[in-house]
Amino acid sequence: MIMSFIVAFVVGGLICVVGQLLFDVANLTPGHTLSLLVVVGAVLDGFGLYEPLIDFAGAGATVPITSFGNSLVHGALQEAERHGLIGVITGIFEVTSSGISAAILFGFIASLVFRSKGRP
């Protein structure tokens, strides 16, 4: 069990290191870095490589933002097999709706509680 924690920590940490290197070395903005990591997760799932990573690393692969891209493609492909083209659209939202809803809700709550630095 301890080994699975270590593997998850190392894999998740490596994904975060890649993101930090994109900030520092490539001078990408946070938005560009976020988008790139989501796309990488989506492409890896499209080629069938992200599920083995999840099986190997557990939470180390499901917690970072790359997992969101994986979820988008995974849901779209599953529903496309069942419902065709309309399944692509419904599959994306079926799998990720709870995460998107939570981000909107908590972002709204945070905006009510905290003041931005730009306002006096």
PDB file of N, CA and C in Angstrom:
ATOM      1  N   MET A   1       0.824  -1.191   0.000  1.00  0.00           N
ATOM      2  CA  MET A   1       0.000   0.000   0.000  1.00  0.00           C
ATOM      3  C   MET A   1       0.870   1.257   0.000  1.00  0.00           C
ATOM      4  N   ILE A   2       1.923   1.270   0.755  1.00  0.00           N
ATOM      5  CA  ILE A   2       2.812   2.423   0.797  1.00  0.00           C
ATOM      6  C   ILE A   2       3.404   2.685  -0.589  1.00  0.00           C
ATOM      7  N   MET A   3       3.715   1.613  -1.310  1.00  0.00           N
ATOM      8  CA  MET A   3       4.302   1.770  -2.639  1.00  0.00           C
ATOM      9  C   MET A   3       3.326   2.471  -3.591  1.00  0.00           C
ATOM     10  N   SER A   4       2.026   2.176  -3.476  1.00  0.00           N
ATOM     11  CA  SER A   4       1.045   2.845  -4.344  1.00  0.00           C
ATOM     12  C   SER A   4       0.974   4.339  -4.030  1.00  0.00           C
ATOM     13  N   PHE A   5       1.157   4.714  -2.765  1.00  0.00           N
ATOM     14  CA  PHE A   5       1.191   6.127  -2.410  1.00  0.00           C
ATOM     15  C   PHE A   5       2.412   6.808  -3.027  1.00  0.00           C
ATOM     16  N   ILE A   6       3.538   6.128  -2.972  1.00  0.00           N
ATOM     17  CA  ILE A   6       4.772   6.694  -3.517  1.00  0.00           C
ATOM     18  C   ILE A   6       4.661   6.862  -5.031  1.00  0.00           C
ATOM     19  N   VAL A   7       4.123   5.848  -5.714  1.00  0.00           N
ATOM     20  CA  VAL A   7       3.968   5.919  -7.171  1.00  0.00           C
ATOM     21  C   VAL A   7       3.016   7.056  -7.539  1.00  0.00           C
ATOM     22  N   ALA A   8       1.903   7.169  -6.822  1.00  0.00           N
ATOM     23  CA  ALA A   8       0.950   8.253  -7.099  1.00  0.00           C
ATOM     24  C   ALA A   8       1.606   9.611  -6.885  1.00  0.00           C
ATOM     25  N   PHE A   9       2.374   9.741  -5.820  1.00  0.00           N
ATOM     26  CA  PHE A   9       3.048  11.005  -5.526  1.00  0.00           C
ATOM     27  C   PHE A   9       4.053  11.360  -6.621  1.00  0.00           C
ATOM     28  N   VAL A  10       4.839  10.373  -7.059  1.00  0.00           N
ATOM     29  CA  VAL A  10       5.873  10.625  -8.064  1.00  0.00           C
ATOM     30  C   VAL A  10       5.246  10.970  -9.413  1.00  0.00           C
ATOM     31  N   VAL A  11       4.241  10.200  -9.846  1.00  0.00           N
ATOM     32  CA  VAL A  11       3.621  10.466 -11.150  1.00  0.00           C
ATOM     33  C   VAL A  11       2.884  11.803 -11.138  1.00  0.00           C
ATOM     34  N   GLY A  12       2.104  12.059 -10.102  1.00  0.00           N
ATOM     35  CA  GLY A  12       1.426  13.350  -9.995  1.00  0.00           C
ATOM     36  C   GLY A  12       2.416  14.494  -9.922  1.00  0.00           C
ATOM     37  N   GLY A  13       3.516  14.287  -9.195  1.00  0.00           N
ATOM     38  CA  GLY A  13       4.553  15.301  -9.106  1.00  0.00           C
ATOM     39  C   GLY A  13       5.224  15.564 -10.439  1.00  0.00           C
ATOM     40  N   LEU A  14       5.446  14.509 -11.214  1.00  0.00           N
ATOM     41  CA  LEU A  14       6.056  14.684 -12.532  1.00  0.00           C
ATOM     42  C   LEU A  14       5.145  15.470 -13.471  1.00  0.00           C
ATOM     43  N   ILE A  15       3.848  15.224 -13.387  1.00  0.00           N
ATOM     44  CA  ILE A  15       2.908  16.001 -14.203  1.00  0.00           C
ATOM     45  C   ILE A  15       2.961  17.474 -13.795  1.00  0.00           C
ATOM     46  N   CYS A  16       3.044  17.728 -12.502  1.00  0.00           N
ATOM     47  CA  CYS A  16       3.146  19.105 -12.023  1.00  0.00           C
ATOM     48  C   CYS A  16       4.477  19.745 -12.423  1.00  0.00           C
ATOM     49  N   VAL A  17       5.550  18.961 -12.431  1.00  0.00           N
ATOM     50  CA  VAL A  17       6.851  19.473 -12.862  1.00  0.00           C
ATOM     51  C   VAL A  17       6.785  19.896 -14.323  1.00  0.00           C
ATOM     52  N   VAL A  18       6.127  19.110 -15.147  1.00  0.00           N
ATOM     53  CA  VAL A  18       5.970  19.472 -16.557  1.00  0.00           C
ATOM     54  C   VAL A  18       5.236  20.808 -16.668  1.00  0.00           C
ATOM     55  N   GLY A  19       4.161  20.960 -15.905  1.00  0.00           N
ATOM     56  CA  GLY A  19       3.425  22.222 -15.915  1.00  0.00           C
ATOM     57  C   GLY A  19       4.287  23.389 -15.458  1.00  0.00           C
ATOM     58  N   GLN A  20       5.076  23.182 -14.412  1.00  0.00           N
ATOM     59  CA  GLN A  20       5.949  24.256 -13.923  1.00  0.00           C
ATOM     60  C   GLN A  20       7.028  24.605 -14.933  1.00  0.00           C
ATOM     61  N   LEU A  21       7.560  23.589 -15.611  1.00  0.00           N
ATOM     62  CA  LEU A  21       8.562  23.857 -16.652  1.00  0.00           C
ATOM     63  C   LEU A  21       7.964  24.640 -17.816  1.00  0.00           C
ATOM     64  N   LEU A  22       6.705  24.363 -18.134  1.00  0.00           N
ATOM     65  CA  LEU A  22       6.046  25.137 -19.188  1.00  0.00           C
ATOM     66  C   LEU A  22       5.918  26.600 -18.783  1.00  0.00           C
ATOM     67  N   PHE A  23       5.675  26.849 -17.496  1.00  0.00           N
ATOM     68  CA  PHE A  23       5.644  28.233 -17.003  1.00  0.00           C
ATOM     69  C   PHE A  23       7.014  28.878 -17.094  1.00  0.00           C
ATOM     70  N   ASP A  24       8.016  28.206 -16.511  1.00  0.00           N
ATOM     71  CA  ASP A  24       9.333  28.813 -16.322  1.00  0.00           C
ATOM     72  C   ASP A  24      10.195  28.820 -17.574  1.00  0.00           C
ATOM     73  N   VAL A  25      10.261  27.703 -18.271  1.00  0.00           N
ATOM     74  CA  VAL A  25      11.175  27.585 -19.400  1.00  0.00           C
ATOM     75  C   VAL A  25      10.526  28.067 -20.694  1.00  0.00           C
ATOM     76  N   ALA A  26       9.305  27.625 -20.946  1.00  0.00           N
ATOM     77  CA  ALA A  26       8.633  27.995 -22.190  1.00  0.00           C
ATOM     78  C   ALA A  26       7.907  29.335 -22.074  1.00  0.00           C
ATOM     79  N   ASN A  27       7.853  29.898 -20.876  1.00  0.00           N
ATOM     80  CA  ASN A  27       7.182  31.178 -20.617  1.00  0.00           C
ATOM     81  C   ASN A  27       5.730  31.185 -21.095  1.00  0.00           C
ATOM     82  N   LEU A  28       5.042  30.070 -20.918  1.00  0.00           N
ATOM     83  CA  LEU A  28       3.623  30.009 -21.276  1.00  0.00           C
ATOM     84  C   LEU A  28       2.788  30.616 -20.156  1.00  0.00           C
ATOM     85  N   THR A  29       1.664  31.167 -20.521  1.00  0.00           N
ATOM     86  CA  THR A  29       0.745  31.721 -19.525  1.00  0.00           C
ATOM     87  C   THR A  29       0.019  30.568 -18.828  1.00  0.00           C
ATOM     88  N   PRO A  30      -0.584  30.826 -17.668  1.00  0.00           N
ATOM     89  CA  PRO A  30      -1.342  29.768 -17.009  1.00  0.00           C
ATOM     90  C   PRO A  30      -2.454  29.190 -17.889  1.00  0.00           C
ATOM     91  N   GLY A  31      -3.118  30.030 -18.659  1.00  0.00           N
ATOM     92  CA  GLY A  31      -4.173  29.548 -19.546  1.00  0.00           C
ATOM     93  C   GLY A  31      -3.649  28.622 -20.630  1.00  0.00           C
ATOM     94  N   HIS A  32      -2.501  28.995 -21.215  1.00  0.00           N
ATOM     95  CA  HIS A  32      -1.898  28.146 -22.241  1.00  0.00           C
ATOM     96  C   HIS A  32      -1.441  26.811 -21.646  1.00  0.00           C
ATOM     97  N   THR A  33      -0.843  26.879 -20.464  1.00  0.00           N
ATOM     98  CA  THR A  33      -0.367  25.661 -19.812  1.00  0.00           C
ATOM     99  C   THR A  33      -1.532  24.748 -19.461  1.00  0.00           C
ATOM    100  N   LEU A  34      -2.581  25.305 -18.911  1.00  0.00           N
ATOM    101  CA  LEU A  34      -3.771  24.535 -18.565  1.00  0.00           C
ATOM    102  C   LEU A  34      -4.351  23.865 -19.801  1.00  0.00           C
ATOM    103  N   SER A  35      -4.499  24.632 -20.852  1.00  0.00           N
ATOM    104  CA  SER A  35      -5.055  24.081 -22.097  1.00  0.00           C
ATOM    105  C   SER A  35      -4.176  22.980 -22.666  1.00  0.00           C
ATOM    106  N   LEU A  36      -2.873  23.192 -22.644  1.00  0.00           N
ATOM    107  CA  LEU A  36      -1.953  22.202 -23.181  1.00  0.00           C
ATOM    108  C   LEU A  36      -2.015  20.896 -22.389  1.00  0.00           C
ATOM    109  N   LEU A  37      -2.079  20.981 -21.073  1.00  0.00           N
ATOM    110  CA  LEU A  37      -2.145  19.771 -20.252  1.00  0.00           C
ATOM    111  C   LEU A  37      -3.466  19.032 -20.456  1.00  0.00           C
ATOM    112  N   VAL A  38      -4.565  19.752 -20.625  1.00  0.00           N
ATOM    113  CA  VAL A  38      -5.850  19.105 -20.911  1.00  0.00           C
ATOM    114  C   VAL A  38      -5.792  18.389 -22.256  1.00  0.00           C
ATOM    115  N   VAL A  39      -5.213  19.049 -23.253  1.00  0.00           N
ATOM    116  CA  VAL A  39      -5.102  18.440 -24.584  1.00  0.00           C
ATOM    117  C   VAL A  39      -4.198  17.211 -24.538  1.00  0.00           C
ATOM    118  N   VAL A  40      -3.107  17.278 -23.799  1.00  0.00           N
ATOM    119  CA  VAL A  40      -2.216  16.115 -23.681  1.00  0.00           C
ATOM    120  C   VAL A  40      -2.965  14.938 -23.058  1.00  0.00           C
ATOM    121  N   GLY A  41      -3.744  15.198 -22.008  1.00  0.00           N
ATOM    122  CA  GLY A  41      -4.541  14.129 -21.405  1.00  0.00           C
ATOM    123  C   GLY A  41      -5.556  13.564 -22.378  1.00  0.00           C
ATOM    124  N   ALA A  42      -6.164  14.430 -23.184  1.00  0.00           N
ATOM    125  CA  ALA A  42      -7.147  13.978 -24.174  1.00  0.00           C
ATOM    126  C   ALA A  42      -6.491  13.138 -25.260  1.00  0.00           C
ATOM    127  N   VAL A  43      -5.345  13.575 -25.749  1.00  0.00           N
ATOM    128  CA  VAL A  43      -4.640  12.831 -26.798  1.00  0.00           C
ATOM    129  C   VAL A  43      -4.167  11.480 -26.274  1.00  0.00           C
ATOM    130  N   LEU A  44      -3.628  11.473 -25.065  1.00  0.00           N
ATOM    131  CA  LEU A  44      -3.195  10.199 -24.492  1.00  0.00           C
ATOM    132  C   LEU A  44      -4.361   9.218 -24.352  1.00  0.00           C
ATOM    133  N   ASP A  45      -5.530   9.725 -23.966  1.00  0.00           N
ATOM    134  CA  ASP A  45      -6.689   8.837 -23.876  1.00  0.00           C
ATOM    135  C   ASP A  45      -7.149   8.393 -25.258  1.00  0.00           C
ATOM    136  N   GLY A  46      -7.066   9.279 -26.228  1.00  0.00           N
ATOM    137  CA  GLY A  46      -7.445   8.915 -27.588  1.00  0.00           C
ATOM    138  C   GLY A  46      -6.606   7.773 -28.139  1.00  0.00           C
ATOM    139  N   PHE A  47      -5.347   7.719 -27.744  1.00  0.00           N
ATOM    140  CA  PHE A  47      -4.460   6.635 -28.167  1.00  0.00           C
ATOM    141  C   PHE A  47      -4.493   5.440 -27.214  1.00  0.00           C
ATOM    142  N   GLY A  48      -5.329   5.534 -26.171  1.00  0.00           N
ATOM    143  CA  GLY A  48      -5.450   4.428 -25.229  1.00  0.00           C
ATOM    144  C   GLY A  48      -4.301   4.319 -24.242  1.00  0.00           C
ATOM    145  N   LEU A  49      -3.592   5.418 -23.999  1.00  0.00           N
ATOM    146  CA  LEU A  49      -2.437   5.386 -23.111  1.00  0.00           C
ATOM    147  C   LEU A  49      -2.714   5.923 -21.712  1.00  0.00           C
ATOM    148  N   TYR A  50      -3.823   6.638 -21.523  1.00  0.00           N
ATOM    149  CA  TYR A  50      -4.060   7.242 -20.212  1.00  0.00           C
ATOM    150  C   TYR A  50      -4.633   6.243 -19.210  1.00  0.00           C
ATOM    151  N   GLU A  51      -5.457   5.316 -19.656  1.00  0.00           N
ATOM    152  CA  GLU A  51      -6.017   4.305 -18.745  1.00  0.00           C
ATOM    153  C   GLU A  51      -4.921   3.444 -18.115  1.00  0.00           C
ATOM    154  N   PRO A  52      -3.917   2.966 -18.892  1.00  0.00           N
ATOM    155  CA  PRO A  52      -2.823   2.238 -18.235  1.00  0.00           C
ATOM    156  C   PRO A  52      -2.066   3.099 -17.222  1.00  0.00           C
ATOM    157  N   LEU A  53      -1.942   4.409 -17.500  1.00  0.00           N
ATOM    158  CA  LEU A  53      -1.301   5.303 -16.542  1.00  0.00           C
ATOM    159  C   LEU A  53      -2.123   5.396 -15.264  1.00  0.00           C
ATOM    160  N   ILE A  54      -3.441   5.456 -15.397  1.00  0.00           N
ATOM    161  CA  ILE A  54      -4.314   5.482 -14.216  1.00  0.00           C
ATOM    162  C   ILE A  54      -4.194   4.174 -13.441  1.00  0.00           C
ATOM    163  N   ASP A  55      -4.161   3.054 -14.158  1.00  0.00           N
ATOM    164  CA  ASP A  55      -4.008   1.764 -13.489  1.00  0.00           C
ATOM    165  C   ASP A  55      -2.682   1.689 -12.730  1.00  0.00           C
ATOM    166  N   PHE A  56      -1.646   2.298 -13.272  1.00  0.00           N
ATOM    167  CA  PHE A  56      -0.324   2.270 -12.639  1.00  0.00           C
ATOM    168  C   PHE A  56      -0.224   3.266 -11.488  1.00  0.00           C
ATOM    169  N   ALA A  57      -0.686   4.504 -11.710  1.00  0.00           N
ATOM    170  CA  ALA A  57      -0.432   5.581 -10.751  1.00  0.00           C
ATOM    171  C   ALA A  57      -1.620   5.949  -9.878  1.00  0.00           C
ATOM    172  N   GLY A  58      -2.805   5.475 -10.172  1.00  0.00           N
ATOM    173  CA  GLY A  58      -3.973   5.801  -9.353  1.00  0.00           C
ATOM    174  C   GLY A  58      -4.244   7.291  -9.314  1.00  0.00           C
ATOM    175  N   ALA A  59      -4.317   7.834  -8.103  1.00  0.00           N
ATOM    176  CA  ALA A  59      -4.630   9.250  -7.924  1.00  0.00           C
ATOM    177  C   ALA A  59      -3.568  10.164  -8.509  1.00  0.00           C
ATOM    178  N   GLY A  60      -2.356   9.660  -8.691  1.00  0.00           N
ATOM    179  CA  GLY A  60      -1.308  10.462  -9.309  1.00  0.00           C
ATOM    180  C   GLY A  60      -1.634  10.831 -10.744  1.00  0.00           C
ATOM    181  N   ALA A  61      -2.521  10.047 -11.371  1.00  0.00           N
ATOM    182  CA  ALA A  61      -2.932  10.334 -12.746  1.00  0.00           C
ATOM    183  C   ALA A  61      -4.356  10.867 -12.827  1.00  0.00           C
ATOM    184  N   THR A  62      -5.169  10.650 -11.802  1.00  0.00           N
ATOM    185  CA  THR A  62      -6.558  11.115 -11.870  1.00  0.00           C
ATOM    186  C   THR A  62      -6.770  12.493 -11.265  1.00  0.00           C
ATOM    187  N   VAL A  63      -5.873  12.960 -10.436  1.00  0.00           N
ATOM    188  CA  VAL A  63      -6.051  14.259  -9.792  1.00  0.00           C
ATOM    189  C   VAL A  63      -5.578  15.429 -10.657  1.00  0.00           C
ATOM    190  N   PRO A  64      -4.432  15.344 -11.357  1.00  0.00           N
ATOM    191  CA  PRO A  64      -3.990  16.495 -12.160  1.00  0.00           C
ATOM    192  C   PRO A  64      -4.957  16.834 -13.293  1.00  0.00           C
ATOM    193  N   ILE A  65      -4.778  17.999 -13.873  1.00  0.00           N
ATOM    194  CA  ILE A  65      -5.675  18.519 -14.908  1.00  0.00           C
ATOM    195  C   ILE A  65      -5.656  17.655 -16.166  1.00  0.00           C
ATOM    196  N   THR A  66      -4.617  16.875 -16.375  1.00  0.00           N
ATOM    197  CA  THR A  66      -4.578  15.991 -17.537  1.00  0.00           C
ATOM    198  C   THR A  66      -5.722  14.989 -17.500  1.00  0.00           C
ATOM    199  N   SER A  67      -6.176  14.660 -16.319  1.00  0.00           N
ATOM    200  CA  SER A  67      -7.284  13.721 -16.177  1.00  0.00           C
ATOM    201  C   SER A  67      -8.591  14.309 -16.703  1.00  0.00           C
ATOM    202  N   PHE A  68      -8.721  15.628 -16.697  1.00  0.00           N
ATOM    203  CA  PHE A  68      -9.919  16.253 -17.233  1.00  0.00           C
ATOM    204  C   PHE A  68     -10.006  16.015 -18.737  1.00  0.00           C
ATOM    205  N   GLY A  69      -8.889  16.164 -19.432  1.00  0.00           N
ATOM    206  CA  GLY A  69      -8.856  15.856 -20.859  1.00  0.00           C
ATOM    207  C   GLY A  69      -9.162  14.396 -21.114  1.00  0.00           C
ATOM    208  N   ASN A  70      -8.623  13.533 -20.278  1.00  0.00           N
ATOM    209  CA  ASN A  70      -8.907  12.111 -20.365  1.00  0.00           C
ATOM    210  C   ASN A  70     -10.403  11.859 -20.204  1.00  0.00           C
ATOM    211  N   SER A  71     -11.022  12.494 -19.243  1.00  0.00           N
ATOM    212  CA  SER A  71     -12.455  12.300 -19.001  1.00  0.00           C
ATOM    213  C   SER A  71     -13.299  12.785 -20.176  1.00  0.00           C
ATOM    214  N   LEU A  72     -12.919  13.904 -20.761  1.00  0.00           N
ATOM    215  CA  LEU A  72     -13.660  14.424 -21.908  1.00  0.00           C
ATOM    216  C   LEU A  72     -13.671  13.428 -23.060  1.00  0.00           C
ATOM    217  N   VAL A  73     -12.500  12.944 -23.428  1.00  0.00           N
ATOM    218  CA  VAL A  73     -12.404  12.024 -24.561  1.00  0.00           C
ATOM    219  C   VAL A  73     -13.005  10.670 -24.221  1.00  0.00           C
ATOM    220  N   HIS A  74     -12.763  10.198 -23.008  1.00  0.00           N
ATOM    221  CA  HIS A  74     -13.278   8.889 -22.602  1.00  0.00           C
ATOM    222  C   HIS A  74     -14.808   8.868 -22.649  1.00  0.00           C
ATOM    223  N   GLY A  75     -15.433   9.896 -22.115  1.00  0.00           N
ATOM    224  CA  GLY A  75     -16.896   9.984 -22.143  1.00  0.00           C
ATOM    225  C   GLY A  75     -17.435  10.110 -23.549  1.00  0.00           C
ATOM    226  N   ALA A  76     -16.761  10.915 -24.356  1.00  0.00           N
ATOM    227  CA  ALA A  76     -17.208  11.099 -25.740  1.00  0.00           C
ATOM    228  C   ALA A  76     -17.117   9.799 -26.529  1.00  0.00           C
ATOM    229  N   LEU A  77     -16.035   9.063 -26.373  1.00  0.00           N
ATOM    230  CA  LEU A  77     -15.873   7.806 -27.110  1.00  0.00           C
ATOM    231  C   LEU A  77     -16.875   6.742 -26.657  1.00  0.00           C
ATOM    232  N   GLN A  78     -17.115   6.668 -25.343  1.00  0.00           N
ATOM    233  CA  GLN A  78     -18.081   5.687 -24.840  1.00  0.00           C
ATOM    234  C   GLN A  78     -19.479   5.957 -25.369  1.00  0.00           C
ATOM    235  N   GLU A  79     -19.907   7.194 -25.312  1.00  0.00           N
ATOM    236  CA  GLU A  79     -21.253   7.533 -25.765  1.00  0.00           C
ATOM    237  C   GLU A  79     -21.366   7.501 -27.285  1.00  0.00           C
ATOM    238  N   ALA A  80     -20.282   7.776 -27.991  1.00  0.00           N
ATOM    239  CA  ALA A  80     -20.310   7.700 -29.448  1.00  0.00           C
ATOM    240  C   ALA A  80     -20.554   6.270 -29.920  1.00  0.00           C
ATOM    241  N   GLU A  81     -20.025   5.302 -29.188  1.00  0.00           N
ATOM    242  CA  GLU A  81     -20.268   3.899 -29.527  1.00  0.00           C
ATOM    243  C   GLU A  81     -21.739   3.535 -29.361  1.00  0.00           C
ATOM    244  N   ARG A  82     -22.380   4.131 -28.351  1.00  0.00           N
ATOM    245  CA  ARG A  82     -23.785   3.801 -28.074  1.00  0.00           C
ATOM    246  C   ARG A  82     -24.774   4.610 -28.896  1.00  0.00           C
ATOM    247  N   HIS A  83     -24.505   5.921 -29.062  1.00  0.00           N
ATOM    248  CA  HIS A  83     -25.509   6.815 -29.645  1.00  0.00           C
ATOM    249  C   HIS A  83     -25.047   7.540 -30.908  1.00  0.00           C
ATOM    250  N   GLY A  84     -23.865   7.247 -31.395  1.00  0.00           N
ATOM    251  CA  GLY A  84     -23.388   7.907 -32.606  1.00  0.00           C
ATOM    252  C   GLY A  84     -22.887   9.312 -32.333  1.00  0.00           C
ATOM    253  N   LEU A  85     -23.079  10.192 -33.302  1.00  0.00           N
ATOM    254  CA  LEU A  85     -22.524  11.541 -33.238  1.00  0.00           C
ATOM    255  C   LEU A  85     -23.068  12.354 -32.064  1.00  0.00           C
ATOM    256  N   ILE A  86     -24.351  12.239 -31.781  1.00  0.00           N
ATOM    257  CA  ILE A  86     -24.916  12.986 -30.649  1.00  0.00           C
ATOM    258  C   ILE A  86     -24.323  12.506 -29.321  1.00  0.00           C
ATOM    259  N   GLY A  87     -23.885  11.255 -29.289  1.00  0.00           N
ATOM    260  CA  GLY A  87     -23.249  10.718 -28.088  1.00  0.00           C
ATOM    261  C   GLY A  87     -21.934  11.385 -27.758  1.00  0.00           C
ATOM    262  N   VAL A  88     -21.254  11.903 -28.772  1.00  0.00           N
ATOM    263  CA  VAL A  88     -19.996  12.604 -28.529  1.00  0.00           C
ATOM    264  C   VAL A  88     -20.248  13.805 -27.628  1.00  0.00           C
ATOM    265  N   ILE A  89     -21.269  14.570 -27.945  1.00  0.00           N
ATOM    266  CA  ILE A  89     -21.574  15.777 -27.171  1.00  0.00           C
ATOM    267  C   ILE A  89     -22.129  15.427 -25.795  1.00  0.00           C
ATOM    268  N   THR A  90     -23.078  14.505 -25.748  1.00  0.00           N
ATOM    269  CA  THR A  90     -23.664  14.155 -24.450  1.00  0.00           C
ATOM    270  C   THR A  90     -22.662  13.438 -23.560  1.00  0.00           C
ATOM    271  N   GLY A  91     -21.757  12.657 -24.143  1.00  0.00           N
ATOM    272  CA  GLY A  91     -20.767  11.935 -23.350  1.00  0.00           C
ATOM    273  C   GLY A  91     -19.797  12.855 -22.654  1.00  0.00           C
ATOM    274  N   ILE A  92     -19.422  13.934 -23.326  1.00  0.00           N
ATOM    275  CA  ILE A  92     -18.506  14.900 -22.720  1.00  0.00           C
ATOM    276  C   ILE A  92     -19.125  15.478 -21.452  1.00  0.00           C
ATOM    277  N   PHE A  93     -20.381  15.872 -21.535  1.00  0.00           N
ATOM    278  CA  PHE A  93     -21.018  16.508 -20.385  1.00  0.00           C
ATOM    279  C   PHE A  93     -21.448  15.511 -19.322  1.00  0.00           C
ATOM    280  N   GLU A  94     -21.770  14.309 -19.726  1.00  0.00           N
ATOM    281  CA  GLU A  94     -22.189  13.294 -18.754  1.00  0.00           C
ATOM    282  C   GLU A  94     -21.065  12.969 -17.779  1.00  0.00           C
ATOM    283  N   VAL A  95     -19.862  12.832 -18.287  1.00  0.00           N
ATOM    284  CA  VAL A  95     -18.741  12.428 -17.454  1.00  0.00           C
ATOM    285  C   VAL A  95     -18.176  13.596 -16.649  1.00  0.00           C
ATOM    286  N   THR A  96     -18.177  14.798 -17.210  1.00  0.00           N
ATOM    287  CA  THR A  96     -17.496  15.924 -16.564  1.00  0.00           C
ATOM    288  C   THR A  96     -18.425  16.931 -15.905  1.00  0.00           C
ATOM    289  N   SER A  97     -19.714  16.710 -15.955  1.00  0.00           N
ATOM    290  CA  SER A  97     -20.656  17.721 -15.446  1.00  0.00           C
ATOM    291  C   SER A  97     -20.482  18.003 -13.959  1.00  0.00           C
ATOM    292  N   SER A  98     -20.197  17.005 -13.159  1.00  0.00           N
ATOM    293  CA  SER A  98     -20.042  17.260 -11.727  1.00  0.00           C
ATOM    294  C   SER A  98     -18.820  18.129 -11.448  1.00  0.00           C
ATOM    295  N   GLY A  99     -17.708  17.882 -12.146  1.00  0.00           N
ATOM    296  CA  GLY A  99     -16.511  18.698 -11.955  1.00  0.00           C
ATOM    297  C   GLY A  99     -16.701  20.121 -12.433  1.00  0.00           C
ATOM    298  N   ILE A 100     -17.364  20.279 -13.563  1.00  0.00           N
ATOM    299  CA  ILE A 100     -17.629  21.621 -14.082  1.00  0.00           C
ATOM    300  C   ILE A 100     -18.569  22.379 -13.150  1.00  0.00           C
ATOM    301  N   SER A 101     -19.604  21.704 -12.680  1.00  0.00           N
ATOM    302  CA  SER A 101     -20.553  22.344 -11.757  1.00  0.00           C
ATOM    303  C   SER A 101     -19.872  22.753 -10.464  1.00  0.00           C
ATOM    304  N   ALA A 102     -19.011  21.894  -9.931  1.00  0.00           N
ATOM    305  CA  ALA A 102     -18.297  22.225  -8.696  1.00  0.00           C
ATOM    306  C   ALA A 102     -17.377  23.426  -8.906  1.00  0.00           C
ATOM    307  N   ALA A 103     -16.692  23.484 -10.047  1.00  0.00           N
ATOM    308  CA  ALA A 103     -15.805  24.616 -10.319  1.00  0.00           C
ATOM    309  C   ALA A 103     -16.589  25.925 -10.389  1.00  0.00           C
ATOM    310  N   ILE A 104     -17.748  25.899 -11.021  1.00  0.00           N
ATOM    311  CA  ILE A 104     -18.578  27.100 -11.116  1.00  0.00           C
ATOM    312  C   ILE A 104     -19.086  27.511  -9.742  1.00  0.00           C
ATOM    313  N   LEU A 105     -19.597  26.557  -8.991  1.00  0.00           N
ATOM    314  CA  LEU A 105     -20.147  26.842  -7.664  1.00  0.00           C
ATOM    315  C   LEU A 105     -19.076  27.389  -6.720  1.00  0.00           C
ATOM    316  N   PHE A 106     -17.933  26.706  -6.617  1.00  0.00           N
ATOM    317  CA  PHE A 106     -16.891  27.145  -5.700  1.00  0.00           C
ATOM    318  C   PHE A 106     -16.237  28.448  -6.163  1.00  0.00           C
ATOM    319  N   GLY A 107     -16.151  28.651  -7.482  1.00  0.00           N
ATOM    320  CA  GLY A 107     -15.650  29.927  -7.986  1.00  0.00           C
ATOM    321  C   GLY A 107     -16.575  31.078  -7.608  1.00  0.00           C
ATOM    322  N   PHE A 108     -17.882  30.832  -7.688  1.00  0.00           N
ATOM    323  CA  PHE A 108     -18.854  31.859  -7.304  1.00  0.00           C
ATOM    324  C   PHE A 108     -18.765  32.163  -5.809  1.00  0.00           C
ATOM    325  N   ILE A 109     -18.686  31.119  -4.991  1.00  0.00           N
ATOM    326  CA  ILE A 109     -18.568  31.309  -3.540  1.00  0.00           C
ATOM    327  C   ILE A 109     -17.291  32.074  -3.207  1.00  0.00           C
ATOM    328  N   ALA A 110     -16.181  31.705  -3.850  1.00  0.00           N
ATOM    329  CA  ALA A 110     -14.918  32.404  -3.601  1.00  0.00           C
ATOM    330  C   ALA A 110     -15.013  33.871  -3.999  1.00  0.00           C
ATOM    331  N   SER A 111     -15.746  34.167  -5.076  1.00  0.00           N
ATOM    332  CA  SER A 111     -15.881  35.564  -5.504  1.00  0.00           C
ATOM    333  C   SER A 111     -16.704  36.374  -4.515  1.00  0.00           C
ATOM    334  N   LEU A 112     -17.593  35.729  -3.796  1.00  0.00           N
ATOM    335  CA  LEU A 112     -18.374  36.428  -2.782  1.00  0.00           C
ATOM    336  C   LEU A 112     -17.578  36.659  -1.501  1.00  0.00           C
ATOM    337  N   VAL A 113     -16.709  35.717  -1.180  1.00  0.00           N
ATOM    338  CA  VAL A 113     -15.965  35.765   0.078  1.00  0.00           C
ATOM    339  C   VAL A 113     -14.727  36.652  -0.023  1.00  0.00           C
ATOM    340  N   PHE A 114     -13.992  36.564  -1.117  1.00  0.00           N
ATOM    341  CA  PHE A 114     -12.712  37.252  -1.243  1.00  0.00           C
ATOM    342  C   PHE A 114     -12.808  38.427  -2.213  1.00  0.00           C
ATOM    343  N   ARG A 115     -11.955  39.404  -1.977  1.00  0.00           N
ATOM    344  CA  ARG A 115     -11.885  40.572  -2.868  1.00  0.00           C
ATOM    345  C   ARG A 115     -10.675  40.404  -3.769  1.00  0.00           C
ATOM    346  N   SER A 116     -10.841  40.791  -5.027  1.00  0.00           N
ATOM    347  CA  SER A 116      -9.698  40.733  -5.942  1.00  0.00           C
ATOM    348  C   SER A 116      -8.751  41.883  -5.638  1.00  0.00           C
ATOM    349  N   LYS A 117      -7.507  41.748  -6.063  1.00  0.00           N
ATOM    350  CA  LYS A 117      -6.517  42.786  -5.829  1.00  0.00           C
ATOM    351  C   LYS A 117      -6.772  44.032  -6.661  1.00  0.00           C
ATOM    352  N   GLY A 118      -7.541  43.877  -7.745  1.00  0.00           N
ATOM    353  CA  GLY A 118      -7.795  44.998  -8.638  1.00  0.00           C
ATOM    354  C   GLY A 118      -8.812  45.989  -8.107  1.00  0.00           C
ATOM    355  N   ARG A 119      -9.692  45.547  -7.197  1.00  0.00           N
ATOM    356  CA  ARG A 119     -10.704  46.455  -6.652  1.00  0.00           C
ATOM    357  C   ARG A 119     -10.174  47.198  -5.454  1.00  0.00           C
ATOM    358  N   PRO A 120     -10.579  48.465  -5.295  1.00  0.00           N
ATOM    359  CA  PRO A 120     -10.138  49.236  -4.110  1.00  0.00           C
ATOM    360  C   PRO A 120     -10.868  48.830  -2.855  1.00  0.00           C
TER     361      PRO A 120
END
